[in-house]
Amino acid sequence: MSKPLEKILKEYDYAFPETLIAQKPASPRDSAKLLVYDRNADSITETTFAHIGEYLPKGAVLVFNQTKVLPARLTVTKPTGGTARILYIAQEGDVIRAMSDRKLEVGTNVRITSGLFFNVAKQEGKYYLLKPSFPLQQLNTILDRHGITPIPPYIKESPLNERELRKKYQTVFAKHAGSVAAPTASLHFTDRLLKKLQKQGVDIRFITLHVNIGTFAPLTQEHLDTGALHTESFSIDKQTANFLNKAKEEGRPIIGVGTTVVRTLESACIDSQLKRLTGETRIFIQEGYRFNFIDGMVTNFHVPQSSLLMLVAALIGKDTLFKLYKIAIKRKFRFFSFGDGMLIY
């Protein structure tokens, strides 16, 4: 039987000064601070991402998420002349699933620009199913032209304009468009740092998991009762899976860069091998979970009471997690999406 939601929320809550919420990323990216936790030695070291290679265990393989953030927020005009801001969530057949900050009337059209509109086909709770007046293959182009980058609700005073956001709220290796949020642990890595790591003998591989709006959703009792979170799609190419499976057999440490990579690799793993290479995952990694594939992770500092916080606690224990967070707060590390991070192995 799962714990009551109220008890879980209390267990995974912590206080911090709001001034620590980063409103813009470090510049350069790899100058962000890094808290290194060696589980075997129970040692804690402060450094920067530029020096992460000095702390990675011997033979480590870094696995990154190469999803690309879409400029998924659109302003549309309703038949009344009023406007609404919609957020693209996913494509479902010949319609898209979206959220709106204003009520949309089923059966009406909401206009993006002259000649481009969505028909409001259906409402399902907080979501709308919208049928476009254009071929769905053109959606990414239209979002690029008319959309704006969605950023987390706690980034309230970012000095970055849309042009800057499209660059800075995106990893340097982003490839496959489909996310409404960045895999933020990867934001710290520059092309220069990646090349430096490869020269040091660190192998780098990529998977894809498209992050959806559920990553910001609060925990519910249903999540706890079912042991499942929101649905996200992932893929791992065969060559990457073969390489990682061989590395795992050889005992090389697999380090997931970000919670999205950890969730993907653990979802794909069957009998200590990556076998389920495409599909959807609702995996909820929490206290008591036995990790089957990853040996460590790189991660940012997460929002209180979140499933992301619970995932990190599952790896190192709740007491250790909050010990590290207290140190980070005391040393004025920057928190959340544009903030600093940790290396745990």
Protein backbone atom coordinates (compact mmCIF):
# COMPACT_ATOMS: atom_id res chain seq x y z
CA MET A 1 0.00 0.00 0.00
CA SER A 2 1.39 3.41 -0.96
CA LYS A 3 2.01 6.17 1.54
CA PRO A 4 -0.51 9.02 1.78
CA LEU A 5 0.36 11.93 -0.52
CA GLU A 6 0.49 14.38 2.38
CA LYS A 7 3.17 12.30 4.10
CA ILE A 8 5.30 12.02 0.93
CA LEU A 9 5.05 15.75 0.25
CA LYS A 10 6.22 16.48 3.78
CA GLU A 11 9.14 14.01 3.48
CA TYR A 12 10.36 15.58 0.24
CA ASP A 13 9.92 19.21 1.16
CA TYR A 14 12.75 21.60 1.95
CA ALA A 15 13.20 25.33 2.49
CA PHE A 16 15.50 27.50 0.41
CA PRO A 17 15.91 31.21 -0.34
CA GLU A 18 14.07 32.12 -3.56
CA THR A 19 17.10 34.21 -4.52
CA LEU A 20 18.81 30.89 -5.36
CA ILE A 21 16.39 30.19 -8.23
CA ALA A 22 18.51 30.84 -11.33
CA GLN A 23 16.81 33.19 -13.80
CA LYS A 24 19.47 32.71 -16.49
CA PRO A 25 22.16 30.09 -17.14
CA ALA A 26 25.83 30.43 -16.24
CA SER A 27 28.01 31.92 -18.95
CA PRO A 28 29.90 30.11 -20.26
CA ARG A 29 27.71 27.07 -19.66
CA ASP A 30 30.47 24.95 -18.12
CA SER A 31 31.31 27.61 -15.51
CA ALA A 32 28.26 26.42 -13.55
CA LYS A 33 29.13 24.99 -10.15
CA LEU A 34 29.21 21.22 -9.67
CA LEU A 35 28.82 19.33 -6.40
CA VAL A 36 30.49 15.92 -6.72
CA TYR A 37 29.32 13.09 -4.47
CA ASP A 38 31.34 9.85 -4.42
CA ARG A 39 29.03 7.26 -2.88
CA ASN A 40 31.77 4.73 -2.05
CA ALA A 41 34.02 7.25 -0.32
CA ASP A 42 31.06 9.27 1.02
CA SER A 43 33.02 12.35 -0.08
CA ILE A 44 31.75 15.72 -1.30
CA THR A 45 33.74 18.06 -3.55
CA GLU A 46 32.86 21.43 -5.04
CA THR A 47 34.13 22.27 -8.53
CA THR A 48 32.72 23.49 -11.86
CA PHE A 49 31.36 21.56 -14.84
CA ALA A 50 34.47 22.48 -16.82
CA HIS A 51 36.38 20.07 -14.54
CA ILE A 52 33.84 17.21 -14.44
CA GLY A 53 36.26 14.93 -16.32
CA GLU A 54 38.63 14.96 -13.34
CA TYR A 55 35.96 13.34 -11.17
CA LEU A 56 34.31 10.81 -13.46
CA PRO A 57 35.08 7.20 -12.50
CA LYS A 58 37.52 5.33 -14.71
CA GLY A 59 35.96 3.95 -17.89
CA ALA A 60 32.80 6.04 -17.47
CA VAL A 61 30.28 6.36 -20.28
CA LEU A 62 28.21 9.56 -20.32
CA VAL A 63 24.73 9.24 -21.81
CA PHE A 64 22.90 12.39 -22.93
CA ASN A 65 19.37 13.18 -24.11
CA GLN A 66 19.43 14.80 -27.56
CA THR A 67 15.80 15.93 -27.58
CA LYS A 68 15.16 19.45 -28.83
CA VAL A 69 12.85 21.96 -27.15
CA LEU A 70 10.07 23.25 -29.37
CA PRO A 71 8.92 26.88 -29.25
CA ALA A 72 5.67 25.26 -28.20
CA ARG A 73 3.67 28.22 -26.88
CA LEU A 74 1.41 30.01 -29.37
CA THR A 75 -0.82 33.05 -29.04
CA VAL A 76 -4.12 32.47 -30.88
CA THR A 77 -7.09 34.72 -31.55
CA LYS A 78 -10.58 33.49 -30.62
CA PRO A 79 -13.75 34.28 -32.64
CA THR A 80 -14.61 36.91 -29.99
CA GLY A 81 -11.41 38.79 -30.78
CA GLY A 82 -9.86 37.85 -27.47
CA THR A 83 -6.56 35.98 -27.34
CA ALA A 84 -5.42 32.80 -25.63
CA ARG A 85 -1.99 31.31 -25.10
CA ILE A 86 -1.89 27.63 -25.97
CA LEU A 87 0.84 25.14 -25.21
CA TYR A 88 1.45 22.28 -27.61
CA ILE A 89 1.73 18.97 -25.75
CA ALA A 90 1.73 16.19 -28.33
CA GLN A 91 0.48 15.02 -31.71
CA GLU A 92 -2.30 12.44 -31.64
CA GLY A 93 -3.31 11.21 -35.07
CA ASP A 94 -4.59 14.17 -37.08
CA VAL A 95 -4.96 16.48 -34.05
CA ILE A 96 -2.70 17.99 -31.42
CA ARG A 97 -3.19 17.93 -27.68
CA ALA A 98 -2.75 21.35 -26.10
CA MET A 99 -3.41 23.37 -22.96
CA SER A 100 -4.82 26.89 -22.93
CA ASP A 101 -4.74 29.74 -20.44
CA ARG A 102 -8.26 30.72 -21.57
CA LYS A 103 -11.41 28.69 -22.19
CA LEU A 104 -11.80 27.60 -25.81
CA GLU A 105 -15.23 26.79 -27.23
CA VAL A 106 -15.52 23.38 -28.91
CA GLY A 107 -16.43 23.74 -32.59
CA THR A 108 -14.85 27.17 -33.01
CA ASN A 109 -11.65 28.10 -34.83
CA VAL A 110 -8.73 29.83 -33.12
CA ARG A 111 -6.43 31.73 -35.47
CA ILE A 112 -2.63 31.75 -35.41
CA THR A 113 -2.32 34.17 -38.32
CA SER A 114 -4.13 34.84 -41.57
CA GLY A 115 -4.90 31.47 -43.18
CA LEU A 116 -3.56 29.39 -40.28
CA PHE A 117 -5.91 28.20 -37.57
CA PHE A 118 -6.94 25.30 -35.33
CA ASN A 119 -10.44 23.93 -34.99
CA VAL A 120 -11.26 23.14 -31.37
CA ALA A 121 -12.38 19.54 -31.85
CA LYS A 122 -12.80 18.38 -28.26
CA GLN A 123 -12.07 19.22 -24.64
CA GLU A 124 -10.74 16.56 -22.26
CA GLY A 125 -10.39 18.04 -18.79
CA LYS A 126 -7.58 20.62 -18.89
CA TYR A 127 -6.60 19.59 -22.43
CA TYR A 128 -7.96 20.53 -25.84
CA LEU A 129 -7.72 18.48 -29.04
CA LEU A 130 -7.07 20.90 -31.90
CA LYS A 131 -7.34 20.04 -35.60
CA PRO A 132 -5.03 22.23 -37.71
CA SER A 133 -5.98 23.86 -41.01
CA PHE A 134 -2.55 22.89 -42.32
CA PRO A 135 -0.73 19.55 -42.73
CA LEU A 136 0.71 18.40 -39.40
CA GLN A 137 4.08 17.91 -41.09
CA GLN A 138 4.29 21.72 -41.14
CA LEU A 139 3.72 22.08 -37.37
CA ASN A 140 7.38 22.39 -36.37
CA THR A 141 7.95 25.03 -39.06
CA ILE A 142 4.91 26.99 -37.86
CA LEU A 143 6.03 26.75 -34.24
CA ASP A 144 9.50 27.94 -35.25
CA ARG A 145 7.96 30.94 -37.00
CA HIS A 146 5.17 31.89 -34.59
CA GLY A 147 5.84 30.12 -31.29
CA ILE A 148 7.76 31.11 -28.19
CA THR A 149 9.88 28.92 -25.93
CA PRO A 150 8.02 27.62 -22.88
CA ILE A 151 10.03 28.09 -19.70
CA PRO A 152 9.29 26.71 -16.22
CA PRO A 153 6.87 28.70 -14.06
CA TYR A 154 9.55 29.45 -11.45
CA ILE A 155 11.64 31.43 -13.95
CA LYS A 156 9.76 34.69 -13.49
CA GLU A 157 12.37 37.39 -14.08
CA SER A 158 14.59 36.02 -16.81
CA PRO A 159 16.45 38.77 -18.68
CA LEU A 160 16.64 36.56 -21.79
CA ASN A 161 14.65 37.48 -24.89
CA GLU A 162 13.13 34.85 -27.20
CA ARG A 163 16.17 34.71 -29.48
CA GLU A 164 18.45 34.15 -26.46
CA LEU A 165 16.07 31.61 -24.91
CA ARG A 166 16.01 29.51 -28.06
CA LYS A 167 19.77 29.19 -27.78
CA LYS A 168 20.33 29.01 -24.03
CA TYR A 169 17.33 26.80 -23.10
CA GLN A 170 18.62 24.21 -25.56
CA THR A 171 21.52 21.77 -25.34
CA VAL A 172 24.43 22.24 -27.75
CA PHE A 173 23.66 18.82 -29.27
CA ALA A 174 19.84 19.09 -29.48
CA LYS A 175 18.70 17.13 -32.53
CA HIS A 176 15.17 15.65 -32.39
CA ALA A 177 12.40 18.22 -31.83
CA GLY A 178 9.64 17.18 -29.47
CA SER A 179 10.09 18.54 -25.92
CA VAL A 180 8.37 21.34 -24.04
CA ALA A 181 11.20 21.46 -21.50
CA ALA A 182 14.95 21.04 -21.77
CA PRO A 183 16.92 18.12 -20.28
CA THR A 184 18.51 20.66 -17.98
CA ALA A 185 21.49 18.68 -16.64
CA SER A 186 22.84 18.73 -20.20
CA LEU A 187 22.65 22.52 -20.50
CA HIS A 188 26.02 22.77 -18.70
CA PHE A 189 27.96 21.00 -21.44
CA THR A 190 29.73 22.96 -24.18
CA ASP A 191 31.17 21.63 -27.43
CA ARG A 192 34.61 22.38 -25.98
CA LEU A 193 33.90 20.37 -22.83
CA LEU A 194 32.53 17.39 -24.79
CA LYS A 195 35.67 17.31 -26.97
CA LYS A 196 37.85 17.57 -23.87
CA LEU A 197 36.05 14.63 -22.24
CA GLN A 198 36.45 12.51 -25.38
CA LYS A 199 40.17 13.28 -25.45
CA GLN A 200 40.32 12.07 -21.84
CA GLY A 201 38.84 8.74 -22.94
CA VAL A 202 35.25 9.32 -21.82
CA ASP A 203 32.77 7.71 -24.19
CA ILE A 204 29.70 9.79 -25.02
CA ARG A 205 26.42 8.41 -26.33
CA PHE A 206 22.94 9.82 -26.97
CA ILE A 207 19.34 8.69 -26.46
CA THR A 208 16.09 10.61 -26.98
CA LEU A 209 13.24 11.17 -24.54
CA HIS A 210 10.77 13.94 -25.31
CA VAL A 211 9.98 15.85 -22.12
CA ASN A 212 6.33 16.81 -21.77
CA ILE A 213 4.50 19.20 -19.47
CA GLY A 214 4.02 16.43 -16.90
CA THR A 215 7.56 17.04 -15.70
CA PHE A 216 6.24 20.20 -13.96
CA ALA A 217 3.01 18.63 -12.70
CA PRO A 218 2.63 18.16 -8.95
CA LEU A 219 2.62 14.68 -7.48
CA THR A 220 -0.81 13.14 -6.94
CA GLN A 221 -2.12 10.25 -4.88
CA GLU A 222 -2.78 8.43 -8.16
CA HIS A 223 0.94 8.57 -9.00
CA LEU A 224 1.73 6.98 -5.65
CA ASP A 225 -1.03 4.36 -5.88
CA THR A 226 -0.22 3.27 -9.43
CA GLY A 227 3.55 3.74 -9.23
CA ALA A 228 3.38 5.52 -12.60
CA LEU A 229 3.94 9.08 -13.78
CA HIS A 230 2.96 10.95 -16.96
CA THR A 231 3.68 9.28 -20.31
CA GLU A 232 6.77 10.26 -22.30
CA SER A 233 8.13 8.72 -25.52
CA PHE A 234 11.73 7.55 -25.86
CA SER A 235 14.03 5.93 -28.39
CA ILE A 236 17.52 4.41 -28.40
CA ASP A 237 19.16 3.46 -31.68
CA LYS A 238 20.42 -0.10 -32.04
CA GLN A 239 24.09 0.88 -32.34
CA THR A 240 23.93 2.92 -29.12
CA ALA A 241 22.15 0.10 -27.29
CA ASN A 242 24.77 -2.42 -28.42
CA PHE A 243 27.59 -0.15 -27.26
CA LEU A 244 25.99 0.51 -23.86
CA ASN A 245 25.15 -3.17 -23.34
CA LYS A 246 28.76 -4.11 -24.02
CA ALA A 247 30.02 -1.38 -21.70
CA LYS A 248 27.68 -2.66 -18.99
CA GLU A 249 28.94 -6.23 -19.45
CA GLU A 250 32.51 -4.93 -19.09
CA GLY A 251 31.63 -3.28 -15.79
CA ARG A 252 32.10 0.25 -17.04
CA PRO A 253 30.16 2.91 -15.07
CA ILE A 254 27.12 4.19 -16.97
CA ILE A 255 26.42 7.81 -16.00
CA GLY A 256 23.04 9.20 -17.02
CA VAL A 257 23.14 12.94 -17.66
CA GLY A 258 19.80 14.02 -16.27
CA THR A 259 16.69 12.33 -14.93
CA THR A 260 15.33 11.87 -18.48
CA VAL A 261 18.28 9.66 -19.41
CA VAL A 262 18.00 7.69 -16.17
CA ARG A 263 14.30 7.08 -16.78
CA THR A 264 14.93 6.06 -20.39
CA LEU A 265 17.73 3.59 -19.65
CA GLU A 266 15.89 2.05 -16.72
CA SER A 267 12.70 1.74 -18.80
CA ALA A 268 14.59 0.10 -21.67
CA CYS A 269 16.45 -2.35 -19.44
CA ILE A 270 15.42 -5.98 -19.18
CA ASP A 271 17.77 -8.41 -17.40
CA SER A 272 20.57 -5.80 -17.21
CA GLN A 273 20.48 -5.20 -20.98
CA LEU A 274 18.82 -2.50 -23.09
CA LYS A 275 16.19 -4.43 -25.04
CA ARG A 276 13.11 -2.18 -25.25
CA LEU A 277 14.52 0.46 -27.58
CA THR A 278 11.43 2.50 -28.49
CA GLY A 279 8.16 3.17 -26.79
CA GLU A 280 6.59 5.10 -23.97
CA THR A 281 7.47 5.20 -20.31
CA ARG A 282 5.57 6.09 -17.15
CA ILE A 283 8.32 4.86 -14.84
CA PHE A 284 8.21 6.37 -11.35
CA ILE A 285 11.57 5.85 -9.65
CA GLN A 286 11.24 6.31 -5.93
CA GLU A 287 12.47 4.98 -2.60
CA GLY A 288 13.13 1.24 -2.75
CA TYR A 289 13.74 1.13 -6.50
CA ARG A 290 16.63 -1.12 -7.59
CA PHE A 291 18.60 0.48 -10.40
CA ASN A 292 19.25 -1.99 -13.20
CA PHE A 293 21.43 -0.10 -15.65
CA ILE A 294 22.81 3.25 -14.51
CA ASP A 295 25.65 3.57 -11.99
CA GLY A 296 25.50 7.30 -11.45
CA MET A 297 24.01 10.51 -12.75
CA VAL A 298 24.48 14.19 -13.40
CA THR A 299 21.51 16.22 -12.21
CA ASN A 300 20.39 19.72 -11.32
CA PHE A 301 18.85 20.73 -8.00
CA HIS A 302 15.14 19.98 -8.15
CA VAL A 303 11.92 21.55 -6.96
CA PRO A 304 10.66 20.45 -3.51
CA GLN A 305 8.04 17.69 -3.42
CA SER A 306 8.76 16.58 -6.99
CA SER A 307 9.14 13.16 -8.59
CA LEU A 308 12.59 14.28 -9.82
CA LEU A 309 13.72 14.83 -6.25
CA MET A 310 12.40 11.36 -5.35
CA LEU A 311 14.37 9.80 -8.23
CA VAL A 312 17.67 11.21 -6.93
CA ALA A 313 16.78 10.11 -3.39
CA ALA A 314 16.20 6.58 -4.69
CA LEU A 315 19.82 6.53 -5.87
CA ILE A 316 21.57 7.97 -2.80
CA GLY A 317 19.01 7.86 0.00
CA LYS A 318 16.82 10.63 1.35
CA ASP A 319 19.13 11.59 4.21
CA THR A 320 22.14 11.96 1.90
CA LEU A 321 20.07 13.88 -0.63
CA PHE A 322 19.03 16.51 1.87
CA LYS A 323 22.55 16.66 3.32
CA LEU A 324 23.80 17.58 -0.16
CA TYR A 325 21.00 20.11 -0.65
CA LYS A 326 21.81 21.79 2.69
CA ILE A 327 25.45 22.10 1.61
CA ALA A 328 24.40 23.50 -1.76
CA ILE A 329 22.13 26.08 -0.11
CA LYS A 330 24.84 27.10 2.34
CA ARG A 331 27.37 27.49 -0.51
CA LYS A 332 24.85 29.47 -2.57
CA PHE A 333 24.54 27.05 -5.47
CA ARG A 334 21.93 28.15 -8.02
CA PHE A 335 18.81 25.97 -8.22
CA PHE A 336 16.46 24.46 -10.81
CA SER A 337 16.54 24.57 -14.63
CA PHE A 338 19.16 27.28 -15.18
CA GLY A 339 21.01 26.42 -11.98
CA ASP A 340 24.07 24.44 -10.96
CA GLY A 341 24.28 20.66 -10.66
CA MET A 342 25.60 17.50 -9.07
CA LEU A 343 27.63 14.51 -10.21
CA ILE A 344 26.70 11.37 -8.26
CA TYR A 345 28.50 8.07 -8.75
